[in-house]
Amino acid sequence: MKAIFETGGKQYYVAVGDVIYVEKLNAEVGSDVTFDKVLFLNGVAGNPYVDAKVVCTVEKQGKNKKIKVFKYRPKKKYRKTQGHRQPYTKLVVKKIG
């Protein structure tokens, strides 16, 4: 069984047992998270949503690798370097239905 659901402004195509990384959710490690904004389920598309739910288990909360943001203005002696680490939540899909 496969589904497409929406969270954090993005859409994820999943099956039972898949491991996905989504935008940070306010949930503790080991708890279950339910997504009800399901757009597609086994060949049936909704308008805009299907009456189904995707249940996932939170496996980890973390941050991605650091990226460098460098700003530069030529001939103005302006240079600025910043770093950014995007937080994420690692989920394991338990049930679709």
Protein backbone atom coordinates (compact mmCIF):
# COMPACT_ATOMS: atom_id res chain seq x y z
CA MET A 1 0.00 0.00 0.00
CA LYS A 2 1.42 3.37 -1.02
CA ALA A 3 0.32 6.90 -0.21
CA ILE A 4 1.25 10.52 -0.76
CA PHE A 5 0.79 12.80 2.24
CA GLU A 6 1.58 16.42 3.01
CA THR A 7 3.49 17.89 5.95
CA GLY A 8 5.70 20.94 6.37
CA GLY A 9 4.71 22.28 2.96
CA LYS A 10 6.12 19.21 1.20
CA GLN A 11 4.66 15.97 -0.15
CA TYR A 12 6.05 12.52 0.62
CA TYR A 13 5.43 9.27 -1.32
CA VAL A 14 5.66 6.40 1.19
CA ALA A 15 4.95 2.72 1.77
CA VAL A 16 4.79 0.77 5.04
CA GLY A 17 8.27 0.40 6.53
CA ASP A 18 9.82 3.40 4.74
CA VAL A 19 12.15 5.75 6.61
CA ILE A 20 11.67 9.45 5.79
CA TYR A 21 13.11 12.75 6.99
CA VAL A 22 10.59 15.60 7.39
CA GLU A 23 10.65 19.13 8.74
CA LYS A 24 10.95 19.21 12.53
CA LEU A 25 7.80 18.09 14.36
CA ASN A 26 6.98 18.71 18.02
CA ALA A 27 6.90 15.06 19.04
CA GLU A 28 9.02 12.97 21.38
CA VAL A 29 11.19 10.07 20.24
CA GLY A 30 9.21 6.83 20.28
CA SER A 31 5.80 8.47 19.99
CA ASP A 32 3.38 8.03 17.09
CA VAL A 33 2.45 10.84 14.69
CA THR A 34 -0.68 10.71 12.51
CA PHE A 35 -0.97 12.56 9.21
CA ASP A 36 -4.49 13.04 7.84
CA LYS A 37 -3.66 15.22 4.81
CA VAL A 38 -3.41 12.23 2.45
CA LEU A 39 -3.50 13.24 -1.23
CA PHE A 40 -3.24 9.82 -2.89
CA LEU A 41 -3.86 6.23 -1.74
CA ASN A 42 -3.42 3.14 -3.97
CA GLY A 43 -4.35 4.83 -7.23
CA VAL A 44 -7.20 6.89 -5.75
CA ALA A 45 -6.62 10.64 -5.79
CA GLY A 46 -8.59 12.96 -3.55
CA ASN A 47 -10.17 16.33 -4.10
CA PRO A 48 -7.97 17.59 -2.41
CA TYR A 49 -7.65 14.88 0.29
CA VAL A 50 -8.52 11.19 0.63
CA ASP A 51 -10.26 9.96 3.78
CA ALA A 52 -7.25 8.04 5.13
CA LYS A 53 -4.41 8.39 7.63
CA VAL A 54 -0.69 7.67 7.69
CA VAL A 55 0.72 6.64 11.08
CA CYS A 56 4.46 7.04 11.69
CA THR A 57 6.79 6.49 14.64
CA VAL A 58 9.34 9.16 15.56
CA GLU A 59 12.77 7.53 15.52
CA LYS A 60 15.07 10.55 15.90
CA GLN A 61 15.19 14.34 16.18
CA GLY A 62 18.32 15.95 14.76
CA LYS A 63 20.01 18.56 12.61
CA ASN A 64 21.42 18.27 9.08
CA LYS A 65 25.03 19.03 8.19
CA LYS A 66 26.07 22.65 8.35
CA ILE A 67 25.89 24.70 5.17
CA LYS A 68 27.79 27.93 4.67
CA VAL A 69 26.02 31.09 3.52
CA PHE A 70 28.46 33.63 2.07
CA LYS A 71 27.37 37.12 1.11
CA TYR A 72 29.67 39.37 -0.90
CA ARG A 73 29.44 42.79 -2.53
CA PRO A 74 32.16 43.54 -5.05
CA LYS A 75 34.23 46.74 -4.54
CA LYS A 76 32.45 47.54 -1.24
CA LYS A 77 34.59 45.57 1.29
CA TYR A 78 31.49 43.66 2.40
CA ARG A 79 31.82 39.98 3.24
CA LYS A 80 29.61 38.02 5.58
CA THR A 81 29.73 34.30 6.36
CA GLN A 82 26.98 32.45 8.21
CA GLY A 83 26.28 28.82 8.96
CA HIS A 84 22.91 27.06 9.08
CA ARG A 85 21.79 23.62 10.31
CA GLN A 86 18.23 22.67 9.42
CA PRO A 87 16.41 20.60 12.09
CA TYR A 88 14.62 17.42 10.99
CA THR A 89 12.55 14.53 12.33
CA LYS A 90 13.26 10.96 11.23
CA LEU A 91 10.06 8.90 10.83
CA VAL A 92 9.31 5.24 10.17
CA VAL A 93 5.96 4.58 8.44
CA LYS A 94 3.97 2.09 10.52
CA LYS A 95 0.50 1.98 9.01
CA ILE A 96 -1.42 3.38 6.05
CA GLY A 97 -5.18 3.22 5.96
